[in-house]
């Protein structure tokens, strides 16, 4: 029995799609399918007639809660972005104060729009870490550890009388790609976010996979090497220790200990212990061999993670996003080689 799957990779400047092959389709048609919806630009409304038309639509407010900043946006049901704001968060004030500020700013954001004739406002909040969907409770959020068990939805509803959905940020990314992005029209697909850590979302039959307690889809913590480096979750050899910004930094420090990577930090930048993943990326662009080797290793482990997802879920597509995916050209070759061999 042949258990091999054929997959291709599509790329644009925003997100990257890993596409299943359908017999009879040429690669170029798959590539077009993969990038559909990702080249949309933010559309701001203009002209009185269009404003009157938009005024009667329900508004969707999306909120991305990070450890250093919060982003909010107002979007129409057809995906047009009407407004965006971003503000920095001061973690030294404590997580509860941060949630109070979030509530206040969200109320102000809503009040500016609620008088414009919108019959309904719906709010979606993405936050790093698992979420108890039934209760709207945060479960050990990594950026806000003192809010473990915090009833965020109930807290917000005391001040905001609109429907609120709270979701893990990687799940929110994945659902967004299915709504208006690279996975539009797909019922079975996965999303991976490569940032400081590695997040993931899995959609089966059009529904996001939460699992029994909201802990499903933690792609970053699949174990690829049980004797590998220690992960922040307490395990060893997770995908996150190889394919994230923190993993890239770790590999740069290891390379330095072996006498490699001396030129990853430009002369005069100081101690290698302060190296960042962005500096490793810049070094790779300069052709630094140690940096290129790091991204090759990163891509190899990412490829192993992709193989596991393919064999477990047989997705139509896997969409890869997040800041680290900007280094796509430097890691995708080794990822592709692993996938073509193992999926």
Protein backbone atom coordinates (compact mmCIF):
# COMPACT_ATOMS: atom_id res chain seq x y z
CA UNK A 1 0.00 0.00 0.00
CA UNK A 2 1.40 3.39 -0.98
CA UNK A 3 1.21 5.80 1.96
CA UNK A 4 3.21 8.57 0.32
CA UNK A 5 1.69 12.01 -0.19
CA UNK A 6 2.83 14.61 -2.69
CA UNK A 7 3.17 18.19 -1.50
CA UNK A 8 4.45 21.41 -3.00
CA UNK A 9 5.47 24.73 -1.50
CA UNK A 10 4.08 28.11 -2.53
CA UNK A 11 5.50 31.42 -1.45
CA UNK A 12 4.74 35.12 -1.35
CA UNK A 13 6.01 37.97 0.79
CA UNK A 14 3.42 37.51 3.53
CA UNK A 15 2.67 33.86 4.20
CA UNK A 16 3.84 30.55 2.87
CA UNK A 17 1.66 27.62 1.89
CA UNK A 18 2.56 23.97 1.87
CA UNK A 19 0.16 22.41 -0.61
CA UNK A 20 -1.14 18.93 -1.24
CA UNK A 21 -0.95 17.70 -4.81
CA UNK A 22 -4.15 16.86 -6.65
CA UNK A 23 -3.58 14.61 -9.64
CA UNK A 24 -4.06 16.33 -12.97
CA UNK A 25 -3.16 19.79 -11.71
CA UNK A 26 0.04 21.46 -12.81
CA UNK A 27 2.37 23.03 -10.25
CA UNK A 28 1.59 26.55 -11.43
CA UNK A 29 -2.13 26.07 -10.82
CA UNK A 30 -1.41 24.77 -7.32
CA UNK A 31 0.80 27.76 -6.68
CA UNK A 32 -1.97 30.12 -7.69
CA UNK A 33 -4.42 28.29 -5.44
CA UNK A 34 -2.00 28.54 -2.57
CA UNK A 35 -1.50 32.26 -2.73
CA UNK A 36 -5.14 33.16 -3.34
CA UNK A 37 -6.29 35.72 -0.83
CA UNK A 38 -2.84 36.39 0.60
CA UNK A 39 -2.10 39.33 -1.67
CA UNK A 40 -5.05 41.32 -0.43
CA UNK A 41 -4.07 44.76 0.75
CA UNK A 42 -5.75 46.63 3.56
CA UNK A 43 -8.73 48.39 2.03
CA UNK A 44 -9.84 51.61 3.61
CA UNK A 45 -13.32 52.83 2.78
CA UNK A 46 -13.72 56.02 0.79
CA UNK A 47 -16.70 57.83 -0.68
CA UNK A 48 -20.04 58.51 1.01
CA UNK A 49 -21.97 55.78 -0.76
CA UNK A 50 -19.56 53.05 0.32
CA UNK A 51 -19.64 54.33 3.90
CA UNK A 52 -23.45 54.15 3.94
CA UNK A 53 -23.28 50.58 2.66
CA UNK A 54 -20.76 49.52 5.30
CA UNK A 55 -22.71 51.18 8.10
CA UNK A 56 -25.41 48.49 8.11
CA UNK A 57 -23.00 45.55 8.27
CA UNK A 58 -22.04 43.88 11.54
CA UNK A 59 -18.53 44.79 12.57
CA UNK A 60 -15.86 42.34 13.63
CA UNK A 61 -13.20 43.49 16.06
CA UNK A 62 -10.04 41.42 16.27
CA UNK A 63 -7.59 41.78 19.14
CA UNK A 64 -4.09 40.28 19.29
CA UNK A 65 -2.71 40.27 22.84
CA UNK A 66 1.06 39.87 22.96
CA UNK A 67 3.65 40.16 25.69
CA UNK A 68 4.94 43.53 24.48
CA UNK A 69 2.06 45.03 22.50
CA UNK A 70 -1.63 44.74 21.72
CA UNK A 71 -3.13 45.18 18.25
CA UNK A 72 -6.78 45.88 17.47
CA UNK A 73 -8.54 46.03 14.14
CA UNK A 74 -12.05 46.59 12.81
CA UNK A 75 -12.98 44.34 9.90
CA UNK A 76 -16.10 43.90 7.79
CA UNK A 77 -17.51 40.40 7.19
CA UNK A 78 -15.95 40.39 3.71
CA UNK A 79 -12.50 41.08 5.13
CA UNK A 80 -12.10 44.82 4.55
CA UNK A 81 -9.97 46.42 7.26
CA UNK A 82 -11.50 49.72 8.35
CA UNK A 83 -9.20 50.67 11.18
CA UNK A 84 -6.15 49.41 13.07
CA UNK A 85 -4.39 50.53 16.22
CA UNK A 86 -1.47 49.21 18.24
CA UNK A 87 -0.17 50.09 21.67
CA UNK A 88 2.71 48.92 23.83
CA UNK A 89 2.18 47.07 27.08
CA UNK A 90 4.12 47.61 30.28
CA UNK A 91 4.55 44.20 31.87
CA UNK A 92 6.11 45.75 34.98
CA UNK A 93 2.64 47.00 35.96
CA UNK A 94 1.35 43.45 36.26
CA UNK A 95 -0.95 41.37 34.09
CA UNK A 96 -4.17 42.43 35.83
CA UNK A 97 -3.45 46.09 35.11
CA UNK A 98 -2.71 45.10 31.53
CA UNK A 99 -6.17 43.48 31.28
CA UNK A 100 -7.78 46.59 32.75
CA UNK A 101 -6.04 48.72 30.14
CA UNK A 102 -7.15 46.29 27.43
CA UNK A 103 -10.76 46.65 28.59
CA UNK A 104 -10.56 50.45 28.66
CA UNK A 105 -8.97 50.74 25.23
CA UNK A 106 -11.39 48.22 23.74
CA UNK A 107 -14.35 50.20 25.11
CA UNK A 108 -12.95 53.38 23.55
CA UNK A 109 -12.35 51.55 20.28
CA UNK A 110 -15.93 50.29 20.22
CA UNK A 111 -17.51 53.60 21.25
CA UNK A 112 -16.01 55.31 18.20
CA UNK A 113 -17.89 52.90 15.95
CA UNK A 114 -21.07 52.07 17.85
CA UNK A 115 -22.68 55.40 16.98
CA UNK A 116 -22.31 54.87 13.25
CA UNK A 117 -25.34 52.64 12.76
CA UNK A 118 -23.75 49.21 13.07
CA UNK A 119 -26.45 46.81 14.27
CA UNK A 120 -24.00 44.34 15.75
CA UNK A 121 -20.42 44.14 16.96
CA UNK A 122 -18.57 40.87 17.55
CA UNK A 123 -15.20 40.58 19.23
CA UNK A 124 -12.49 37.96 18.82
CA UNK A 125 -9.38 37.95 21.02
CA UNK A 126 -6.24 35.96 20.29
CA UNK A 127 -3.74 35.34 23.08
CA UNK A 128 -0.67 33.15 23.41
CA UNK A 129 -1.31 29.94 25.32
CA UNK A 130 -4.21 27.50 25.66
CA UNK A 131 -7.73 28.72 26.35
CA UNK A 132 -10.65 26.94 28.00
CA UNK A 133 -13.20 27.64 25.29
CA UNK A 134 -16.30 26.85 27.33
CA UNK A 135 -15.43 29.21 30.17
CA UNK A 136 -13.24 31.75 28.38
CA UNK A 137 -10.45 31.09 30.87
CA UNK A 138 -6.72 31.41 30.17
CA UNK A 139 -4.55 28.34 30.81
CA UNK A 140 -0.92 29.13 31.70
CA UNK A 141 -0.40 31.95 29.14
CA UNK A 142 3.40 32.15 28.60
CA UNK A 143 3.52 35.95 28.30
CA UNK A 144 1.19 36.49 31.27
CA UNK A 145 1.97 33.63 33.69
CA UNK A 146 0.19 35.20 36.66
CA UNK A 147 -3.09 35.06 34.71
CA UNK A 148 -3.25 31.25 34.74
CA UNK A 149 -6.92 30.45 35.34
CA UNK A 150 -7.98 34.07 34.77
CA UNK A 151 -11.63 34.33 33.53
CA UNK A 152 -10.89 36.83 30.76
CA UNK A 153 -14.25 36.59 28.99
CA UNK A 154 -16.21 37.16 32.19
CA UNK A 155 -13.87 40.03 33.10
CA UNK A 156 -14.48 41.75 29.76
CA UNK A 157 -18.23 41.15 29.70
CA UNK A 158 -18.66 43.21 32.84
CA UNK A 159 -17.77 46.26 30.74
CA UNK A 160 -18.47 45.23 27.14
CA UNK A 161 -21.99 44.02 26.20
CA UNK A 162 -21.09 42.26 22.95
CA UNK A 163 -20.33 38.64 22.03
CA UNK A 164 -16.70 37.80 22.82
CA UNK A 165 -14.70 34.79 21.68
CA UNK A 166 -11.26 34.13 23.16
CA UNK A 167 -8.89 31.90 21.24
CA UNK A 168 -5.27 30.79 21.26
CA UNK A 169 -3.40 33.15 18.93
CA UNK A 170 -2.09 30.42 16.64
CA UNK A 171 -5.61 29.00 16.32
CA UNK A 172 -6.82 32.51 15.47
CA UNK A 173 -4.12 32.78 12.79
CA UNK A 174 -5.17 29.41 11.38
CA UNK A 175 -8.86 30.31 11.30
CA UNK A 176 -8.02 33.63 9.65
CA UNK A 177 -6.11 31.86 6.88
CA UNK A 178 -9.17 29.69 6.28
CA UNK A 179 -11.47 32.71 6.23
CA UNK A 180 -9.57 35.09 3.96
CA UNK A 181 -6.08 33.70 3.43
CA UNK A 182 -4.01 30.90 1.97
CA UNK A 183 -6.33 28.13 3.17
CA UNK A 184 -9.55 29.76 1.96
CA UNK A 185 -11.98 27.06 0.84
CA UNK A 186 -10.12 24.26 2.62
CA UNK A 187 -11.79 22.04 5.22
CA UNK A 188 -8.68 20.17 6.34
CA UNK A 189 -5.57 22.25 6.93
CA UNK A 190 -3.01 23.31 9.52
CA UNK A 191 -1.42 26.62 10.47
CA UNK A 192 2.01 27.11 12.00
CA UNK A 193 3.31 30.36 13.48
CA UNK A 194 7.07 30.76 13.80
CA UNK A 195 7.88 33.50 16.27
CA UNK A 196 9.62 33.60 19.63
CA UNK A 197 8.01 30.18 20.03
CA UNK A 198 6.14 27.89 17.65
CA UNK A 199 2.35 27.85 17.64
CA UNK A 200 -0.08 25.80 15.64
CA UNK A 201 -3.68 25.23 14.73
CA UNK A 202 -5.37 22.22 13.16
CA UNK A 203 -8.65 22.37 11.25
CA UNK A 204 -10.51 19.12 10.59
CA UNK A 205 -13.78 19.19 8.67
CA UNK A 206 -13.88 22.97 8.93
CA UNK A 207 -13.59 22.99 12.74
CA UNK A 208 -10.56 23.99 14.78
CA UNK A 209 -9.24 21.15 16.93
CA UNK A 210 -9.30 22.15 20.61
CA UNK A 211 -9.11 18.74 22.26
CA UNK A 212 -10.73 17.75 25.55
CA UNK A 213 -9.32 20.65 27.59
CA UNK A 214 -8.38 23.26 24.99
CA UNK A 215 -4.82 21.98 24.69
CA UNK A 216 -5.07 20.50 21.20
CA UNK A 217 -2.93 21.66 18.30
CA UNK A 218 0.20 22.49 20.32
CA UNK A 219 2.36 21.85 17.27
CA UNK A 220 5.40 23.52 18.82
CA UNK A 221 5.61 20.89 21.52
CA UNK A 222 5.63 17.75 19.42
CA UNK A 223 8.81 15.93 20.44
CA UNK A 224 11.27 15.44 17.59
CA UNK A 225 14.32 14.46 19.62
CA UNK A 226 13.77 13.09 23.15
CA UNK A 227 17.43 13.73 23.97
CA UNK A 228 17.37 17.22 22.52
CA UNK A 229 17.64 20.64 24.19
CA UNK A 230 15.38 21.56 27.08
CA UNK A 231 12.20 23.37 26.05
CA UNK A 232 10.38 26.02 28.05
CA UNK A 233 7.53 23.55 28.52
CA UNK A 234 9.83 21.26 30.52
CA UNK A 235 10.21 18.67 27.78
CA UNK A 236 13.17 18.02 25.51
CA UNK A 237 13.61 18.23 21.78
CA UNK A 238 10.31 19.94 20.97
CA UNK A 239 9.87 21.55 17.55
CA UNK A 240 9.97 24.92 19.31
CA UNK A 241 13.60 24.55 20.43
CA UNK A 242 14.65 24.24 16.77
CA UNK A 243 12.21 26.23 14.61
CA UNK A 244 11.57 29.39 16.65
CA UNK A 245 13.35 32.68 17.19
CA UNK A 246 14.54 31.48 20.58
CA UNK A 247 15.72 28.23 18.98
CA UNK A 248 17.71 30.10 16.33
CA UNK A 249 19.37 32.15 19.05
CA UNK A 250 20.18 28.98 21.02
CA UNK A 251 21.82 27.40 17.98
CA UNK A 252 23.87 30.57 17.41
CA UNK A 253 25.19 30.40 20.97
CA UNK A 254 26.01 26.71 20.55
CA UNK A 255 27.84 27.46 17.31
CA UNK A 256 29.89 30.08 19.10
CA UNK A 257 30.93 27.57 21.78
CA UNK A 258 32.22 25.31 18.99
CA UNK A 259 34.29 28.14 17.61
CA UNK A 260 31.83 28.87 14.81
CA UNK A 261 29.60 31.86 14.28
CA UNK A 262 32.15 34.48 15.28
CA UNK A 263 30.92 36.77 12.50
CA UNK A 264 27.18 36.38 13.11
CA UNK A 265 27.30 39.59 15.13
CA UNK A 266 28.91 42.42 13.21
CA UNK A 267 32.15 43.76 14.61
CA UNK A 268 31.53 46.24 17.39
CA UNK A 269 28.08 44.87 18.34
CA UNK A 270 29.46 43.34 21.55
CA UNK A 271 29.00 40.08 23.40
CA UNK A 272 27.78 37.10 21.33
CA UNK A 273 25.61 36.17 24.33
CA UNK A 274 23.33 39.04 23.31
CA UNK A 275 22.82 37.77 19.77
CA UNK A 276 19.25 37.79 18.42
CA UNK A 277 17.53 35.63 15.82
CA UNK A 278 17.20 38.72 13.63
CA UNK A 279 20.99 39.10 13.63
CA UNK A 280 21.35 35.46 12.60
CA UNK A 281 18.96 36.17 9.71
CA UNK A 282 20.97 39.22 8.63
CA UNK A 283 24.16 37.14 8.81
CA UNK A 284 22.56 34.50 6.57
CA UNK A 285 21.71 37.22 4.05
CA UNK A 286 25.38 38.23 4.09
CA UNK A 287 26.32 34.64 3.29
CA UNK A 288 27.74 33.75 6.71
CA UNK A 289 28.24 29.99 6.66
CA UNK A 290 27.48 29.45 10.36
CA UNK A 291 24.17 31.32 10.04
CA UNK A 292 23.25 29.40 6.89
CA UNK A 293 24.00 26.15 8.71
CA UNK A 294 21.69 27.19 11.56
CA UNK A 295 18.79 27.84 9.18
CA UNK A 296 19.48 24.58 7.39
CA UNK A 297 19.18 22.75 10.73
CA UNK A 298 16.07 24.71 11.62
CA UNK A 299 14.49 23.78 8.30
CA UNK A 300 15.32 20.11 8.77
CA UNK A 301 13.49 19.94 12.08
CA UNK A 302 10.59 21.99 10.75
CA UNK A 303 10.38 19.47 7.92
CA UNK A 304 10.12 16.64 10.47
CA UNK A 305 7.26 18.49 12.14
CA UNK A 306 5.51 18.94 8.80
CA UNK A 307 5.91 15.23 8.05
CA UNK A 308 4.22 14.39 11.36
CA UNK A 309 1.30 16.70 10.59
CA UNK A 310 0.91 15.27 7.09
CA UNK A 311 0.90 11.69 8.30
CA UNK A 312 -1.44 12.38 11.22
CA UNK A 313 -4.00 14.65 9.55
CA UNK A 314 -3.54 14.40 5.78
CA UNK A 315 -4.21 18.15 5.40
CA UNK A 316 -4.95 19.85 2.11
CA UNK A 317 -2.57 22.65 3.10
CA UNK A 318 -0.24 23.78 5.83
CA UNK A 319 0.14 27.55 6.09
CA UNK A 320 3.29 28.92 7.72
CA UNK A 321 3.39 32.45 9.13
CA UNK A 322 4.99 34.46 11.91
CA UNK A 323 8.01 36.73 11.99
CA UNK A 324 10.59 33.94 11.61
CA UNK A 325 8.92 32.78 8.38
CA UNK A 326 10.50 35.87 6.82
CA UNK A 327 13.67 33.77 6.62
CA UNK A 328 11.78 31.32 4.34
CA UNK A 329 14.43 31.31 1.61
CA UNK A 330 17.09 30.15 4.06
CA UNK A 331 15.30 27.20 5.67
CA UNK A 332 12.73 25.96 3.19
CA UNK A 333 15.18 23.96 1.09
CA UNK A 334 16.04 21.58 3.92
CA UNK A 335 12.37 21.44 5.01
CA UNK A 336 11.33 20.48 1.51
CA UNK A 337 13.93 17.71 1.31
CA UNK A 338 12.70 16.15 4.56
CA UNK A 339 9.03 16.40 3.55
CA UNK A 340 9.59 14.88 0.13
CA UNK A 341 11.36 11.96 1.75
CA UNK A 342 9.04 11.34 4.67
CA UNK A 343 5.52 12.52 3.78
